[in-house]
Amino acid sequence: MEAACDTNIRQCGQKYQLLSSVIVVDSELKLVDARTGAPLWTGVAFAQQSSSDGGGGLAGALIGAVVSQIVGSIVDNTPKLSTMANTNLVRNPNQGLLPGPYQEDVAL
C-alpha cells in the first residue's frame, strides 16, 4: 500500500499584540491511500509560543514587547515551532502514527 500525506495549514506565523507577541502553528494532517484517496489517519498539529513581559510592570512589558518584535523580525521561529508541533502529533502515543520498521528509538 502506498500512502500520501496531505497537510492543510490553518494558521502559521507571528501575531503582534499590544504588549506581547505570539507565534502560532496550527495545521491538519491527513494520511490517505494513494490509490483510493481514502483517509487512513488524521490529526491536528498545534503549537504556540508567546513572549512574556518578565516582570518590571508596564515599562518592562513595553520594552519586552519592542525587543520581542525586533528579534521576531530578524529571526523567524515559526519553522522550529512547526517542527515541534508535527513531531508531537506524529509521535503521540495515543493518536500518532505507529513507528515504522526503521525507527529503532521508539518502544511500544
N, C-alpha and C. Protein backbone atom coordinates (compact mmCIF):
# COMPACT_ATOMS: atom_id res chain seq x y z
N MET A 1 0.84 -1.17 0.00
CA MET A 1 0.00 0.00 0.00
C MET A 1 0.89 1.24 0.00
N GLU A 2 0.54 2.16 -0.83
CA GLU A 2 1.22 3.45 -0.86
C GLU A 2 0.31 4.50 -0.27
N ALA A 3 0.91 5.44 0.46
CA ALA A 3 0.13 6.49 1.11
C ALA A 3 0.77 7.84 0.86
N ALA A 4 -0.04 8.87 0.96
CA ALA A 4 0.43 10.24 0.80
C ALA A 4 -0.07 11.06 1.98
N CYS A 5 0.72 12.05 2.36
CA CYS A 5 0.34 12.93 3.47
C CYS A 5 -0.17 14.25 2.90
N ASP A 6 -1.37 14.60 3.28
CA ASP A 6 -2.00 15.85 2.86
C ASP A 6 -2.03 16.78 4.06
N THR A 7 -1.50 17.98 3.91
CA THR A 7 -1.43 18.93 5.03
C THR A 7 -2.22 20.18 4.69
N ASN A 8 -3.06 20.59 5.62
CA ASN A 8 -3.82 21.83 5.49
C ASN A 8 -3.34 22.77 6.60
N ILE A 9 -2.63 23.82 6.22
CA ILE A 9 -2.13 24.79 7.20
C ILE A 9 -3.25 25.78 7.48
N ARG A 10 -3.74 25.74 8.71
CA ARG A 10 -4.86 26.61 9.08
C ARG A 10 -4.38 27.97 9.59
N GLN A 11 -3.24 27.97 10.26
CA GLN A 11 -2.70 29.22 10.78
C GLN A 11 -1.21 29.04 11.02
N CYS A 12 -0.41 30.01 10.61
CA CYS A 12 1.02 29.91 10.80
C CYS A 12 1.62 31.31 10.76
N GLY A 13 2.34 31.67 11.81
CA GLY A 13 3.01 32.96 11.80
C GLY A 13 2.98 33.65 13.15
N GLN A 14 3.50 34.85 13.16
CA GLN A 14 3.62 35.62 14.39
C GLN A 14 2.55 36.70 14.41
N LYS A 15 1.89 36.83 15.56
CA LYS A 15 0.89 37.86 15.76
C LYS A 15 1.42 38.83 16.81
N TYR A 16 1.30 40.10 16.52
CA TYR A 16 1.75 41.12 17.47
C TYR A 16 0.54 41.67 18.21
N GLN A 17 0.64 41.66 19.52
CA GLN A 17 -0.41 42.21 20.35
C GLN A 17 0.14 43.45 21.03
N LEU A 18 -0.65 44.07 21.85
CA LEU A 18 -0.24 45.34 22.45
C LEU A 18 1.06 45.22 23.24
N LEU A 19 1.16 44.24 24.15
CA LEU A 19 2.34 44.13 24.98
C LEU A 19 3.08 42.81 24.79
N SER A 20 2.75 42.06 23.78
CA SER A 20 3.41 40.77 23.58
C SER A 20 3.24 40.32 22.14
N SER A 21 3.89 39.22 21.83
CA SER A 21 3.70 38.62 20.52
C SER A 21 3.53 37.11 20.71
N VAL A 22 2.85 36.49 19.77
CA VAL A 22 2.56 35.07 19.84
C VAL A 22 2.86 34.45 18.48
N ILE A 23 3.60 33.33 18.49
CA ILE A 23 3.82 32.56 17.27
C ILE A 23 2.87 31.37 17.35
N VAL A 24 2.08 31.18 16.30
CA VAL A 24 1.08 30.11 16.27
C VAL A 24 1.29 29.25 15.04
N VAL A 25 1.27 27.93 15.25
CA VAL A 25 1.29 26.97 14.15
C VAL A 25 0.09 26.04 14.38
N ASP A 26 -0.79 25.97 13.40
CA ASP A 26 -1.99 25.14 13.50
C ASP A 26 -2.24 24.51 12.14
N SER A 27 -2.12 23.19 12.07
CA SER A 27 -2.33 22.51 10.80
C SER A 27 -3.02 21.17 11.01
N GLU A 28 -3.66 20.70 9.97
CA GLU A 28 -4.33 19.41 9.98
C GLU A 28 -3.60 18.49 9.01
N LEU A 29 -3.21 17.33 9.48
CA LEU A 29 -2.51 16.36 8.64
C LEU A 29 -3.43 15.17 8.38
N LYS A 30 -3.35 14.65 7.17
CA LYS A 30 -4.17 13.51 6.79
C LYS A 30 -3.32 12.55 5.97
N LEU A 31 -3.28 11.30 6.36
CA LEU A 31 -2.60 10.26 5.60
C LEU A 31 -3.67 9.54 4.79
N VAL A 32 -3.51 9.52 3.46
CA VAL A 32 -4.53 8.93 2.61
C VAL A 32 -3.92 7.83 1.74
N ASP A 33 -4.75 6.86 1.39
CA ASP A 33 -4.36 5.80 0.46
C ASP A 33 -4.12 6.44 -0.90
N ALA A 34 -2.96 6.22 -1.48
CA ALA A 34 -2.60 6.88 -2.74
C ALA A 34 -3.49 6.44 -3.90
N ARG A 35 -4.01 5.25 -3.87
CA ARG A 35 -4.86 4.77 -4.97
C ARG A 35 -6.31 5.23 -4.84
N THR A 36 -6.85 5.10 -3.66
CA THR A 36 -8.28 5.37 -3.49
C THR A 36 -8.58 6.75 -2.91
N GLY A 37 -7.61 7.33 -2.23
CA GLY A 37 -7.83 8.62 -1.57
C GLY A 37 -8.54 8.48 -0.24
N ALA A 38 -8.76 7.25 0.20
CA ALA A 38 -9.43 7.02 1.48
C ALA A 38 -8.54 7.43 2.64
N PRO A 39 -9.08 8.14 3.61
CA PRO A 39 -8.25 8.55 4.76
C PRO A 39 -7.85 7.35 5.60
N LEU A 40 -6.55 7.29 5.96
CA LEU A 40 -6.03 6.24 6.82
C LEU A 40 -5.81 6.76 8.24
N TRP A 41 -5.51 8.04 8.36
CA TRP A 41 -5.21 8.65 9.65
C TRP A 41 -5.33 10.15 9.52
N THR A 42 -5.83 10.80 10.56
CA THR A 42 -5.89 12.27 10.58
C THR A 42 -5.45 12.77 11.96
N GLY A 43 -4.97 13.97 11.99
CA GLY A 43 -4.56 14.57 13.26
C GLY A 43 -4.38 16.07 13.10
N VAL A 44 -4.35 16.77 14.23
CA VAL A 44 -4.16 18.22 14.25
C VAL A 44 -2.87 18.53 14.99
N ALA A 45 -2.00 19.31 14.36
CA ALA A 45 -0.75 19.74 14.97
C ALA A 45 -0.92 21.20 15.38
N PHE A 46 -0.68 21.48 16.66
CA PHE A 46 -0.83 22.84 17.15
C PHE A 46 0.31 23.14 18.13
N ALA A 47 0.90 24.30 17.98
CA ALA A 47 1.90 24.76 18.94
C ALA A 47 1.82 26.28 19.00
N GLN A 48 2.14 26.80 20.17
CA GLN A 48 2.09 28.24 20.38
C GLN A 48 3.23 28.65 21.29
N GLN A 49 3.87 29.74 20.95
CA GLN A 49 4.95 30.29 21.77
C GLN A 49 4.67 31.77 21.94
N SER A 50 4.57 32.19 23.19
CA SER A 50 4.28 33.61 23.44
C SER A 50 5.43 34.26 24.19
N SER A 51 5.60 35.53 23.91
CA SER A 51 6.60 36.29 24.66
C SER A 51 5.99 36.68 25.98
N SER A 52 6.81 36.82 26.99
CA SER A 52 6.31 37.25 28.30
C SER A 52 7.00 38.52 28.71
N ASP A 53 6.37 39.24 29.61
CA ASP A 53 6.96 40.52 29.99
C ASP A 53 8.12 40.35 30.95
N GLY A 54 8.20 39.24 31.67
CA GLY A 54 9.31 39.00 32.57
C GLY A 54 9.33 39.92 33.79
N GLY A 55 8.23 40.55 34.08
CA GLY A 55 8.17 41.44 35.25
C GLY A 55 8.52 42.85 34.86
N GLY A 56 8.62 43.73 35.84
CA GLY A 56 9.02 45.11 35.57
C GLY A 56 7.86 46.04 35.29
N GLY A 57 6.63 45.59 35.49
CA GLY A 57 5.48 46.46 35.31
C GLY A 57 5.25 46.83 33.86
N LEU A 58 4.56 47.95 33.66
CA LEU A 58 4.19 48.39 32.32
C LEU A 58 5.41 48.76 31.48
N ALA A 59 6.38 49.45 32.07
CA ALA A 59 7.58 49.83 31.33
C ALA A 59 8.36 48.60 30.89
N GLY A 60 8.49 47.62 31.78
CA GLY A 60 9.17 46.38 31.43
C GLY A 60 8.44 45.62 30.34
N ALA A 61 7.12 45.62 30.40
CA ALA A 61 6.31 44.94 29.38
C ALA A 61 6.47 45.61 28.02
N LEU A 62 6.49 46.95 28.01
CA LEU A 62 6.66 47.68 26.74
C LEU A 62 8.04 47.41 26.14
N ILE A 63 9.07 47.45 26.97
CA ILE A 63 10.43 47.18 26.49
C ILE A 63 10.52 45.74 25.99
N GLY A 64 9.96 44.80 26.75
CA GLY A 64 9.97 43.40 26.33
C GLY A 64 9.25 43.19 25.02
N ALA A 65 8.12 43.89 24.82
CA ALA A 65 7.37 43.76 23.56
C ALA A 65 8.15 44.30 22.39
N VAL A 66 8.81 45.44 22.58
CA VAL A 66 9.62 46.03 21.49
C VAL A 66 10.78 45.11 21.14
N VAL A 67 11.48 44.60 22.14
CA VAL A 67 12.60 43.69 21.90
C VAL A 67 12.11 42.42 21.19
N SER A 68 10.98 41.88 21.66
CA SER A 68 10.43 40.67 21.05
C SER A 68 10.07 40.89 19.58
N GLN A 69 9.51 42.04 19.27
CA GLN A 69 9.14 42.33 17.88
C GLN A 69 10.37 42.53 17.00
N ILE A 70 11.40 43.15 17.54
CA ILE A 70 12.64 43.34 16.76
C ILE A 70 13.29 41.99 16.50
N VAL A 71 13.41 41.17 17.54
CA VAL A 71 14.01 39.84 17.37
C VAL A 71 13.15 39.00 16.44
N GLY A 72 11.82 39.09 16.57
CA GLY A 72 10.91 38.33 15.71
C GLY A 72 11.02 38.72 14.25
N SER A 73 11.38 39.97 13.97
CA SER A 73 11.53 40.39 12.58
C SER A 73 12.87 39.94 11.99
N ILE A 74 13.84 39.62 12.86
CA ILE A 74 15.15 39.16 12.40
C ILE A 74 15.21 37.64 12.34
N VAL A 75 14.73 36.99 13.38
CA VAL A 75 14.79 35.53 13.49
C VAL A 75 13.37 34.97 13.45
N ASP A 76 13.11 34.11 12.48
CA ASP A 76 11.78 33.50 12.35
C ASP A 76 11.78 32.15 13.06
N ASN A 77 11.07 32.06 14.19
CA ASN A 77 10.99 30.82 14.95
C ASN A 77 9.84 29.92 14.50
N THR A 78 9.09 30.33 13.48
CA THR A 78 7.96 29.54 13.02
C THR A 78 8.37 28.16 12.53
N PRO A 79 9.44 27.99 11.72
CA PRO A 79 9.81 26.63 11.30
C PRO A 79 10.16 25.70 12.46
N LYS A 80 10.85 26.22 13.47
CA LYS A 80 11.20 25.42 14.64
C LYS A 80 9.94 24.99 15.39
N LEU A 81 9.02 25.90 15.57
CA LEU A 81 7.77 25.60 16.26
C LEU A 81 6.91 24.64 15.44
N SER A 82 6.93 24.79 14.13
CA SER A 82 6.19 23.89 13.25
C SER A 82 6.73 22.46 13.34
N THR A 83 8.04 22.33 13.37
CA THR A 83 8.66 21.00 13.52
C THR A 83 8.25 20.37 14.85
N MET A 84 8.23 21.17 15.90
CA MET A 84 7.84 20.66 17.21
C MET A 84 6.38 20.20 17.21
N ALA A 85 5.50 20.98 16.59
CA ALA A 85 4.07 20.62 16.54
C ALA A 85 3.87 19.33 15.76
N ASN A 86 4.52 19.20 14.62
CA ASN A 86 4.39 17.99 13.81
C ASN A 86 4.95 16.76 14.52
N THR A 87 6.10 16.91 15.17
CA THR A 87 6.70 15.79 15.90
C THR A 87 5.79 15.35 17.04
N ASN A 88 5.23 16.31 17.77
CA ASN A 88 4.33 15.97 18.87
C ASN A 88 3.10 15.23 18.36
N LEU A 89 2.61 15.59 17.21
CA LEU A 89 1.43 14.91 16.66
C LEU A 89 1.77 13.50 16.19
N VAL A 90 2.80 13.37 15.38
CA VAL A 90 3.13 12.08 14.77
C VAL A 90 3.61 11.07 15.82
N ARG A 91 4.34 11.53 16.84
CA ARG A 91 4.89 10.61 17.84
C ARG A 91 4.01 10.49 19.08
N ASN A 92 2.83 11.06 19.05
CA ASN A 92 1.91 10.97 20.18
C ASN A 92 1.52 9.51 20.40
N PRO A 93 1.74 8.95 21.59
CA PRO A 93 1.46 7.53 21.81
C PRO A 93 -0.01 7.17 21.73
N ASN A 94 -0.90 8.13 21.90
CA ASN A 94 -2.34 7.83 21.88
C ASN A 94 -2.97 7.98 20.50
N GLN A 95 -2.50 8.93 19.70
CA GLN A 95 -3.15 9.15 18.42
C GLN A 95 -2.17 9.40 17.28
N GLY A 96 -0.88 9.17 17.51
CA GLY A 96 0.12 9.38 16.47
C GLY A 96 0.23 8.18 15.55
N LEU A 97 1.18 8.25 14.64
CA LEU A 97 1.42 7.15 13.72
C LEU A 97 2.23 6.05 14.41
N LEU A 98 2.01 4.83 14.00
CA LEU A 98 2.82 3.73 14.52
C LEU A 98 4.23 3.85 13.98
N PRO A 99 5.23 3.48 14.77
CA PRO A 99 6.61 3.55 14.27
C PRO A 99 6.82 2.54 13.16
N GLY A 100 7.59 2.94 12.14
CA GLY A 100 7.88 2.05 11.03
C GLY A 100 9.01 1.08 11.35
N PRO A 101 9.36 0.23 10.39
CA PRO A 101 10.37 -0.80 10.64
C PRO A 101 11.78 -0.24 10.83
N TYR A 102 12.02 0.97 10.42
CA TYR A 102 13.36 1.54 10.53
C TYR A 102 13.51 2.51 11.70
N GLN A 103 12.47 2.67 12.48
CA GLN A 103 12.50 3.58 13.61
C GLN A 103 12.84 2.77 14.86
N GLU A 104 14.11 2.84 15.28
CA GLU A 104 14.59 1.99 16.36
C GLU A 104 14.45 2.60 17.75
N ASP A 105 14.32 3.91 17.85
CA ASP A 105 14.37 4.56 19.14
C ASP A 105 13.00 4.67 19.85
N VAL A 106 11.98 4.04 19.34
CA VAL A 106 10.64 4.12 19.94
C VAL A 106 10.25 2.77 20.50
N ALA A 107 9.94 2.73 21.78
CA ALA A 107 9.49 1.50 22.41
C ALA A 107 7.96 1.50 22.47
N LEU A 108 7.36 0.40 22.09
CA LEU A 108 5.90 0.32 22.14
C LEU A 108 5.42 -0.18 23.47
